Amino acid sequence: MSRSSAPGKRRTALAGAALCLALSAAAAPAAQASPAPAAGSADTSPTCSLRQNQPHRDTLGNAFSLDLYCDNLASDAFGRPAFNAPVTGRLKLSPSWFVCWTLGDAAADGNEVWYYTQGDEVVSLPGIKGWGMVPAKVVQTQKHPYPGLPRCPWV
């Protein structure tokens, strides 16, 4: 499965507490996201920007219209913001988009911020289509969480 910034193309990854329930029950849809605030990029990095009118809908029924489009490292996407969670997808391409952030397991640097996205490749749980969380170190921005990107709706 490939990803691009062009409408109609998809990437893979997944999310939070609602997803934990879906993973343990082995499935399916849920809540609607609250509208994302319109905001401009506050980062000093020229490779990241907030983009409005970028529709994304995850397999849980959450809808997002704002995303952070940013350079990223290759990474596994996890079923929840924890390093011991199932790997649901994989980011292989850069740049990628991220629709919200939440707090989870601390990385080696102590950062607890995680971003929700859809990976470029589905690894497990094909019904989730690669949606998942990646730790902040994957997203190549100088500030976490990224200013103006909304917190994920399930927190």
N, C-alpha and C. Protein backbone atom coordinates (compact mmCIF):
# COMPACT_ATOMS: atom_id res chain seq x y z
N MET A 1 0.87 -1.17 0.00
CA MET A 1 0.00 0.00 0.00
C MET A 1 0.91 1.22 0.00
N SER A 2 0.73 2.16 -0.90
CA SER A 2 1.58 3.33 -0.96
C SER A 2 0.83 4.58 -0.52
N ARG A 3 1.59 5.63 -0.27
CA ARG A 3 1.03 6.86 0.24
C ARG A 3 1.60 8.03 -0.52
N SER A 4 0.81 9.07 -0.65
CA SER A 4 1.29 10.31 -1.23
C SER A 4 0.41 11.42 -0.72
N SER A 5 0.83 12.66 -0.98
CA SER A 5 0.04 13.79 -0.52
C SER A 5 -1.16 14.04 -1.42
N ALA A 6 -1.23 13.39 -2.55
CA ALA A 6 -2.35 13.59 -3.48
C ALA A 6 -3.62 13.00 -2.89
N PRO A 7 -4.77 13.72 -3.05
CA PRO A 7 -6.04 13.18 -2.55
C PRO A 7 -6.31 11.82 -3.19
N GLY A 8 -6.97 10.94 -2.45
CA GLY A 8 -7.32 9.64 -2.97
C GLY A 8 -6.27 8.57 -2.72
N LYS A 9 -5.05 8.94 -2.41
CA LYS A 9 -4.01 7.98 -2.06
C LYS A 9 -3.97 7.84 -0.55
N ARG A 10 -3.61 6.67 -0.05
CA ARG A 10 -3.70 6.44 1.40
C ARG A 10 -2.38 5.96 1.97
N ARG A 11 -2.17 6.21 3.24
CA ARG A 11 -1.06 5.68 4.02
C ARG A 11 -1.61 4.90 5.19
N THR A 12 -0.75 4.23 5.93
CA THR A 12 -1.24 3.38 6.99
C THR A 12 -0.68 3.67 8.38
N ALA A 13 -1.50 3.48 9.45
CA ALA A 13 -1.16 3.55 10.89
C ALA A 13 -2.39 3.61 11.80
N LEU A 14 -2.38 3.58 13.17
CA LEU A 14 -3.61 3.43 13.98
C LEU A 14 -3.62 4.08 15.34
N ALA A 15 -4.61 3.87 16.31
CA ALA A 15 -4.66 4.74 17.49
C ALA A 15 -5.29 4.23 18.76
N GLY A 16 -5.09 4.93 19.80
CA GLY A 16 -5.37 5.04 21.21
C GLY A 16 -6.29 4.07 21.91
N ALA A 17 -6.90 4.56 22.93
CA ALA A 17 -7.73 3.78 23.84
C ALA A 17 -8.87 3.08 23.11
N ALA A 18 -9.53 3.75 22.21
CA ALA A 18 -10.61 3.12 21.45
C ALA A 18 -10.07 1.96 20.65
N LEU A 19 -8.86 2.12 20.14
CA LEU A 19 -8.24 1.07 19.36
C LEU A 19 -7.86 -0.12 20.22
N CYS A 20 -7.42 0.13 21.46
CA CYS A 20 -7.10 -0.98 22.36
C CYS A 20 -8.29 -1.91 22.48
N LEU A 21 -9.47 -1.33 22.61
CA LEU A 21 -10.68 -2.14 22.68
C LEU A 21 -10.89 -2.90 21.38
N ALA A 22 -10.68 -2.22 20.28
CA ALA A 22 -10.85 -2.86 18.98
C ALA A 22 -9.85 -4.00 18.80
N LEU A 23 -8.63 -3.79 19.26
CA LEU A 23 -7.61 -4.83 19.13
C LEU A 23 -7.96 -6.04 19.98
N SER A 24 -8.39 -5.82 21.21
CA SER A 24 -8.69 -6.95 22.07
C SER A 24 -9.94 -7.68 21.61
N ALA A 25 -10.87 -6.98 21.02
CA ALA A 25 -12.08 -7.61 20.50
C ALA A 25 -11.88 -8.06 19.06
N ALA A 26 -10.72 -7.77 18.50
CA ALA A 26 -10.37 -8.07 17.11
C ALA A 26 -11.24 -7.34 16.11
N ALA A 27 -11.56 -6.03 16.38
CA ALA A 27 -12.26 -5.29 15.34
C ALA A 27 -12.64 -3.86 15.64
N ALA A 28 -13.34 -3.17 15.24
CA ALA A 28 -14.11 -2.34 14.38
C ALA A 28 -14.44 -0.92 14.77
N PRO A 29 -15.43 -0.35 14.13
CA PRO A 29 -15.66 1.09 14.08
C PRO A 29 -15.99 1.74 15.41
N ALA A 30 -15.83 3.09 15.42
CA ALA A 30 -16.16 3.88 16.61
C ALA A 30 -16.38 5.34 16.32
N ALA A 31 -15.97 6.17 17.23
CA ALA A 31 -16.30 7.58 17.38
C ALA A 31 -15.88 8.53 16.27
N GLN A 32 -16.49 9.68 16.29
CA GLN A 32 -16.23 10.76 15.34
C GLN A 32 -15.30 11.78 15.99
N ALA A 33 -14.32 12.23 15.25
CA ALA A 33 -13.38 13.22 15.78
C ALA A 33 -14.03 14.60 15.83
N SER A 34 -13.59 15.39 16.80
CA SER A 34 -14.04 16.77 16.83
C SER A 34 -13.26 17.55 15.78
N PRO A 35 -13.82 18.64 15.25
CA PRO A 35 -13.14 19.37 14.19
C PRO A 35 -11.79 19.91 14.67
N ALA A 36 -10.81 19.86 13.79
CA ALA A 36 -9.48 20.35 14.12
C ALA A 36 -9.44 21.87 14.00
N PRO A 37 -8.70 22.52 14.90
CA PRO A 37 -8.59 23.97 14.79
C PRO A 37 -7.75 24.36 13.58
N ALA A 38 -8.08 25.46 12.99
CA ALA A 38 -7.29 25.98 11.88
C ALA A 38 -6.12 26.74 12.47
N ALA A 39 -4.91 26.36 12.08
CA ALA A 39 -3.74 27.01 12.65
C ALA A 39 -2.60 26.99 11.64
N GLY A 40 -1.69 27.91 11.75
CA GLY A 40 -0.54 27.96 10.87
C GLY A 40 0.64 27.26 11.50
N SER A 41 1.64 27.00 10.74
CA SER A 41 2.83 26.34 11.24
C SER A 41 3.63 27.28 12.13
N ALA A 42 3.98 26.77 13.32
CA ALA A 42 4.78 27.56 14.25
C ALA A 42 6.18 26.98 14.36
N ASP A 43 6.49 25.98 13.58
CA ASP A 43 7.78 25.32 13.65
C ASP A 43 8.81 26.09 12.83
N THR A 44 10.06 26.00 13.26
CA THR A 44 11.13 26.65 12.50
C THR A 44 11.60 25.76 11.35
N SER A 45 11.19 24.50 11.35
CA SER A 45 11.59 23.58 10.30
C SER A 45 10.79 23.84 9.03
N PRO A 46 11.46 24.07 7.90
CA PRO A 46 10.75 24.34 6.65
C PRO A 46 10.11 23.08 6.06
N THR A 47 10.40 21.91 6.61
CA THR A 47 9.88 20.68 6.03
C THR A 47 8.53 20.27 6.61
N CYS A 48 8.02 20.97 7.62
CA CYS A 48 6.74 20.62 8.24
C CYS A 48 5.73 21.73 8.03
N SER A 49 4.48 21.34 7.79
CA SER A 49 3.43 22.34 7.70
C SER A 49 2.09 21.71 8.04
N LEU A 50 1.20 22.53 8.59
CA LEU A 50 -0.18 22.10 8.80
C LEU A 50 -0.93 22.34 7.52
N ARG A 51 -1.73 21.36 7.12
CA ARG A 51 -2.52 21.50 5.89
C ARG A 51 -3.99 21.34 6.25
N GLN A 52 -4.79 22.32 5.83
CA GLN A 52 -6.23 22.25 6.04
C GLN A 52 -6.89 21.56 4.86
N ASN A 53 -8.13 21.13 5.07
CA ASN A 53 -8.92 20.47 4.01
C ASN A 53 -8.22 19.24 3.45
N GLN A 54 -7.65 18.45 4.34
CA GLN A 54 -7.01 17.19 3.98
C GLN A 54 -7.82 16.06 4.62
N PRO A 55 -8.85 15.56 3.97
CA PRO A 55 -9.72 14.57 4.61
C PRO A 55 -9.05 13.22 4.81
N HIS A 56 -9.13 12.74 6.05
CA HIS A 56 -8.65 11.40 6.41
C HIS A 56 -9.71 10.79 7.31
N ARG A 57 -10.02 9.51 7.10
CA ARG A 57 -10.97 8.80 7.96
C ARG A 57 -10.34 7.46 8.31
N ASP A 58 -10.20 7.21 9.62
CA ASP A 58 -9.61 5.94 10.03
C ASP A 58 -10.67 4.84 10.05
N THR A 59 -10.25 3.64 10.35
CA THR A 59 -11.16 2.49 10.35
C THR A 59 -12.06 2.46 11.57
N LEU A 60 -11.84 3.36 12.52
CA LEU A 60 -12.69 3.46 13.72
C LEU A 60 -13.82 4.46 13.50
N GLY A 61 -13.82 5.16 12.36
CA GLY A 61 -14.84 6.15 12.07
C GLY A 61 -14.44 7.57 12.42
N ASN A 62 -13.23 7.79 12.94
CA ASN A 62 -12.75 9.14 13.23
C ASN A 62 -12.45 9.85 11.92
N ALA A 63 -12.89 11.10 11.82
CA ALA A 63 -12.64 11.90 10.62
C ALA A 63 -11.74 13.08 11.00
N PHE A 64 -10.79 13.37 10.15
CA PHE A 64 -9.83 14.44 10.37
C PHE A 64 -9.78 15.30 9.11
N SER A 65 -9.69 16.61 9.27
CA SER A 65 -9.61 17.49 8.10
C SER A 65 -8.33 18.30 8.07
N LEU A 66 -7.53 18.20 9.10
CA LEU A 66 -6.26 18.91 9.20
C LEU A 66 -5.17 17.86 9.38
N ASP A 67 -4.04 18.05 8.73
CA ASP A 67 -2.92 17.15 9.01
C ASP A 67 -1.62 17.92 9.07
N LEU A 68 -0.65 17.28 9.70
CA LEU A 68 0.73 17.77 9.74
C LEU A 68 1.46 16.99 8.67
N TYR A 69 2.04 17.69 7.71
CA TYR A 69 2.78 17.06 6.62
C TYR A 69 4.24 17.34 6.91
N CYS A 70 5.02 16.28 7.15
CA CYS A 70 6.36 16.48 7.71
C CYS A 70 7.30 15.35 7.30
N ASP A 71 8.59 15.67 7.21
CA ASP A 71 9.58 14.63 7.01
C ASP A 71 9.55 13.70 8.22
N ASN A 72 9.86 12.44 7.98
CA ASN A 72 9.82 11.46 9.05
C ASN A 72 10.86 10.37 8.83
N LEU A 73 11.16 9.67 9.91
CA LEU A 73 12.02 8.50 9.85
C LEU A 73 11.15 7.28 9.56
N ALA A 74 11.74 6.25 9.01
CA ALA A 74 11.03 4.98 8.85
C ALA A 74 10.72 4.46 10.25
N SER A 75 9.53 3.88 10.42
CA SER A 75 9.12 3.44 11.75
C SER A 75 7.97 2.45 11.68
N ASP A 76 7.87 1.64 12.73
CA ASP A 76 6.67 0.85 12.93
C ASP A 76 5.58 1.77 13.47
N ALA A 77 4.33 1.47 13.15
CA ALA A 77 3.16 2.15 13.72
C ALA A 77 2.50 1.14 14.66
N PHE A 78 2.22 1.58 15.87
CA PHE A 78 1.73 0.70 16.92
C PHE A 78 0.23 0.89 17.15
N GLY A 79 -0.44 -0.16 17.61
CA GLY A 79 -1.87 -0.15 17.85
C GLY A 79 -2.31 0.76 18.98
N ARG A 80 -1.42 1.18 19.80
CA ARG A 80 -1.65 2.17 20.84
C ARG A 80 -0.30 2.82 21.13
N PRO A 81 -0.25 3.93 21.86
CA PRO A 81 1.02 4.61 22.07
C PRO A 81 1.91 3.92 23.12
N ALA A 82 2.33 2.72 22.77
CA ALA A 82 3.16 1.90 23.65
C ALA A 82 4.07 1.01 22.79
N PHE A 83 5.31 0.88 23.21
CA PHE A 83 6.27 0.10 22.43
C PHE A 83 5.97 -1.40 22.45
N ASN A 84 5.15 -1.86 23.42
CA ASN A 84 4.81 -3.28 23.45
C ASN A 84 3.46 -3.57 22.78
N ALA A 85 2.87 -2.58 22.13
CA ALA A 85 1.59 -2.76 21.42
C ALA A 85 1.84 -3.48 20.10
N PRO A 86 0.79 -4.08 19.54
CA PRO A 86 0.94 -4.73 18.23
C PRO A 86 1.36 -3.72 17.16
N VAL A 87 2.24 -4.14 16.28
CA VAL A 87 2.65 -3.31 15.15
C VAL A 87 1.60 -3.51 14.06
N THR A 88 0.91 -2.44 13.72
CA THR A 88 -0.18 -2.52 12.76
C THR A 88 0.21 -2.06 11.36
N GLY A 89 1.21 -1.18 11.30
CA GLY A 89 1.64 -0.64 10.03
C GLY A 89 3.09 -0.23 10.08
N ARG A 90 3.57 0.26 8.96
CA ARG A 90 4.97 0.69 8.89
C ARG A 90 5.07 1.90 7.99
N LEU A 91 5.74 2.95 8.49
CA LEU A 91 6.07 4.12 7.67
C LEU A 91 7.37 3.81 6.95
N LYS A 92 7.34 3.88 5.64
CA LYS A 92 8.53 3.60 4.84
C LYS A 92 8.95 4.81 4.03
N LEU A 93 8.00 5.69 3.73
CA LEU A 93 8.25 6.85 2.87
C LEU A 93 8.27 8.14 3.69
N SER A 94 8.89 9.16 3.15
CA SER A 94 8.92 10.48 3.78
C SER A 94 8.83 11.52 2.67
N PRO A 95 8.06 12.59 2.88
CA PRO A 95 7.32 12.95 4.08
C PRO A 95 6.02 12.15 4.21
N SER A 96 5.43 12.27 5.42
CA SER A 96 4.16 11.62 5.74
C SER A 96 3.23 12.62 6.38
N TRP A 97 1.97 12.22 6.59
CA TRP A 97 1.01 13.08 7.28
C TRP A 97 0.62 12.45 8.61
N PHE A 98 0.28 13.31 9.55
CA PHE A 98 -0.09 12.91 10.90
C PHE A 98 -1.32 13.74 11.28
N VAL A 99 -2.35 13.10 11.84
CA VAL A 99 -3.62 13.81 12.04
C VAL A 99 -3.87 14.29 13.46
N CYS A 100 -3.17 13.73 14.45
CA CYS A 100 -3.33 14.18 15.83
C CYS A 100 -2.20 13.59 16.67
N TRP A 101 -2.16 13.99 17.93
CA TRP A 101 -1.13 13.49 18.84
C TRP A 101 -1.78 13.09 20.16
N THR A 102 -1.06 12.27 20.94
CA THR A 102 -1.49 11.89 22.28
C THR A 102 -0.24 11.58 23.10
N LEU A 103 -0.43 11.26 24.36
CA LEU A 103 0.68 10.88 25.23
C LEU A 103 0.69 9.37 25.41
N GLY A 104 1.89 8.81 25.56
CA GLY A 104 2.03 7.37 25.74
C GLY A 104 3.36 7.05 26.38
N ASP A 105 3.86 5.84 26.09
CA ASP A 105 5.14 5.42 26.64
C ASP A 105 6.23 6.43 26.30
N ALA A 106 7.10 6.69 27.25
CA ALA A 106 8.24 7.58 27.02
C ALA A 106 9.30 6.86 26.18
N ALA A 107 9.84 7.58 25.22
CA ALA A 107 10.95 7.08 24.42
C ALA A 107 12.24 7.22 25.24
N ALA A 108 13.35 6.76 24.71
CA ALA A 108 14.64 6.85 25.41
C ALA A 108 14.99 8.28 25.81
N ASP A 109 14.54 9.25 25.01
CA ASP A 109 14.83 10.66 25.31
C ASP A 109 13.83 11.25 26.32
N GLY A 110 12.87 10.45 26.80
CA GLY A 110 11.90 10.92 27.78
C GLY A 110 10.63 11.51 27.18
N ASN A 111 10.58 11.68 25.86
CA ASN A 111 9.42 12.28 25.21
C ASN A 111 8.25 11.29 25.21
N GLU A 112 7.06 11.73 25.66
CA GLU A 112 5.88 10.88 25.75
C GLU A 112 4.86 11.16 24.64
N VAL A 113 5.19 12.05 23.70
CA VAL A 113 4.27 12.40 22.61
C VAL A 113 4.32 11.33 21.52
N TRP A 114 3.12 10.96 21.02
CA TRP A 114 2.96 10.03 19.91
C TRP A 114 2.03 10.66 18.89
N TYR A 115 2.23 10.36 17.61
CA TYR A 115 1.40 10.88 16.51
C TYR A 115 0.64 9.74 15.84
N TYR A 116 -0.58 10.05 15.40
CA TYR A 116 -1.47 9.09 14.76
C TYR A 116 -1.42 9.29 13.25
N THR A 117 -1.23 8.19 12.52
CA THR A 117 -1.10 8.25 11.08
C THR A 117 -1.51 6.91 10.46
N GLN A 118 -1.38 6.80 9.18
CA GLN A 118 -1.62 5.54 8.49
C GLN A 118 -0.33 5.15 7.79
N GLY A 119 0.18 3.98 8.11
CA GLY A 119 1.44 3.52 7.55
C GLY A 119 1.37 3.28 6.05
N ASP A 120 2.53 3.19 5.46
CA ASP A 120 2.65 2.91 4.03
C ASP A 120 2.44 1.43 3.74
N GLU A 121 2.57 0.60 4.79
CA GLU A 121 2.45 -0.84 4.65
C GLU A 121 1.64 -1.37 5.83
N VAL A 122 0.72 -2.28 5.57
CA VAL A 122 -0.02 -2.96 6.62
C VAL A 122 0.83 -4.12 7.12
N VAL A 123 0.99 -4.23 8.44
CA VAL A 123 1.81 -5.29 9.02
C VAL A 123 0.93 -6.36 9.64
N SER A 124 -0.04 -5.97 10.45
CA SER A 124 -0.94 -6.93 11.08
C SER A 124 -2.32 -6.30 11.20
N LEU A 125 -3.29 -7.09 11.59
CA LEU A 125 -4.67 -6.61 11.74
C LEU A 125 -5.11 -5.85 10.49
N PRO A 126 -5.24 -6.53 9.36
CA PRO A 126 -5.53 -5.87 8.09
C PRO A 126 -6.78 -5.01 8.08
N GLY A 127 -7.76 -5.30 8.95
CA GLY A 127 -8.97 -4.48 9.00
C GLY A 127 -8.71 -3.06 9.47
N ILE A 128 -7.60 -2.84 10.14
CA ILE A 128 -7.24 -1.51 10.64
C ILE A 128 -6.51 -0.71 9.57
N LYS A 129 -6.06 -1.40 8.53
CA LYS A 129 -5.43 -0.78 7.36
C LYS A 129 -4.20 0.05 7.70
N GLY A 130 -3.43 -0.42 8.68
CA GLY A 130 -2.16 0.22 9.00
C GLY A 130 -2.22 1.45 9.87
N TRP A 131 -3.41 1.87 10.31
CA TRP A 131 -3.51 3.04 11.19
C TRP A 131 -2.81 2.73 12.51
N GLY A 132 -2.06 3.70 13.02
CA GLY A 132 -1.36 3.49 14.27
C GLY A 132 -0.64 4.72 14.77
N MET A 133 0.03 4.53 15.87
CA MET A 133 0.76 5.59 16.57
C MET A 133 2.26 5.41 16.35
N VAL A 134 2.95 6.54 16.16
CA VAL A 134 4.41 6.52 16.08
C VAL A 134 4.95 7.48 17.13
N PRO A 135 6.10 7.13 17.74
CA PRO A 135 6.67 8.03 18.74
C PRO A 135 7.16 9.33 18.10
N ALA A 136 7.19 10.39 18.89
CA ALA A 136 7.55 11.72 18.40
C ALA A 136 8.88 11.76 17.67
N LYS A 137 9.85 10.96 18.10
CA LYS A 137 11.17 11.01 17.46
C LYS A 137 11.12 10.70 15.97
N VAL A 138 10.04 10.05 15.52
CA VAL A 138 9.87 9.71 14.11
C VAL A 138 9.55 10.95 13.28
N VAL A 139 8.81 11.90 13.87
CA VAL A 139 8.36 13.10 13.16
C VAL A 139 9.43 14.18 13.28
N GLN A 140 9.98 14.57 12.15
CA GLN A 140 11.15 15.46 12.13
C GLN A 140 10.77 16.93 12.29
N THR A 141 10.31 17.27 13.48
CA THR A 141 10.00 18.63 13.83
C THR A 141 10.71 18.96 15.14
N GLN A 142 10.93 20.23 15.39
CA GLN A 142 11.70 20.60 16.58
C GLN A 142 10.84 20.71 17.83
N LYS A 143 9.53 20.72 17.69
CA LYS A 143 8.66 20.87 18.85
C LYS A 143 7.60 19.78 18.85
N HIS A 144 7.42 19.14 20.02
CA HIS A 144 6.41 18.08 20.18
C HIS A 144 5.58 18.40 21.42
N PRO A 145 4.25 18.36 21.35
CA PRO A 145 3.50 18.14 20.13
C PRO A 145 3.61 19.35 19.20
N TYR A 146 3.36 19.11 17.94
CA TYR A 146 3.48 20.17 16.94
C TYR A 146 2.39 21.22 17.18
N PRO A 147 2.76 22.51 17.27
CA PRO A 147 1.78 23.57 17.53
C PRO A 147 0.66 23.62 16.48
N GLY A 148 -0.59 23.59 16.97
CA GLY A 148 -1.75 23.68 16.09
C GLY A 148 -2.33 22.34 15.69
N LEU A 149 -1.58 21.24 15.84
CA LEU A 149 -2.12 19.92 15.55
C LEU A 149 -2.96 19.49 16.76
N PRO A 150 -4.19 19.06 16.54
CA PRO A 150 -5.06 18.73 17.68
C PRO A 150 -4.63 17.45 18.41
N ARG A 151 -5.02 17.40 19.67
CA ARG A 151 -4.84 16.18 20.44
C ARG A 151 -5.87 15.16 19.93
N CYS A 152 -5.53 13.89 19.93
CA CYS A 152 -6.42 12.86 19.43
C CYS A 152 -7.70 12.83 20.27
N PRO A 153 -8.85 12.56 19.63
CA PRO A 153 -10.15 12.67 20.30
C PRO A 153 -10.44 11.63 21.36
N TRP A 154 -9.70 10.55 21.42
CA TRP A 154 -10.01 9.47 22.38
C TRP A 154 -9.31 9.67 23.70
N VAL A 155 -8.60 10.76 23.91
CA VAL A 155 -7.92 11.00 25.19
C VAL A 155 -8.75 11.82 26.13
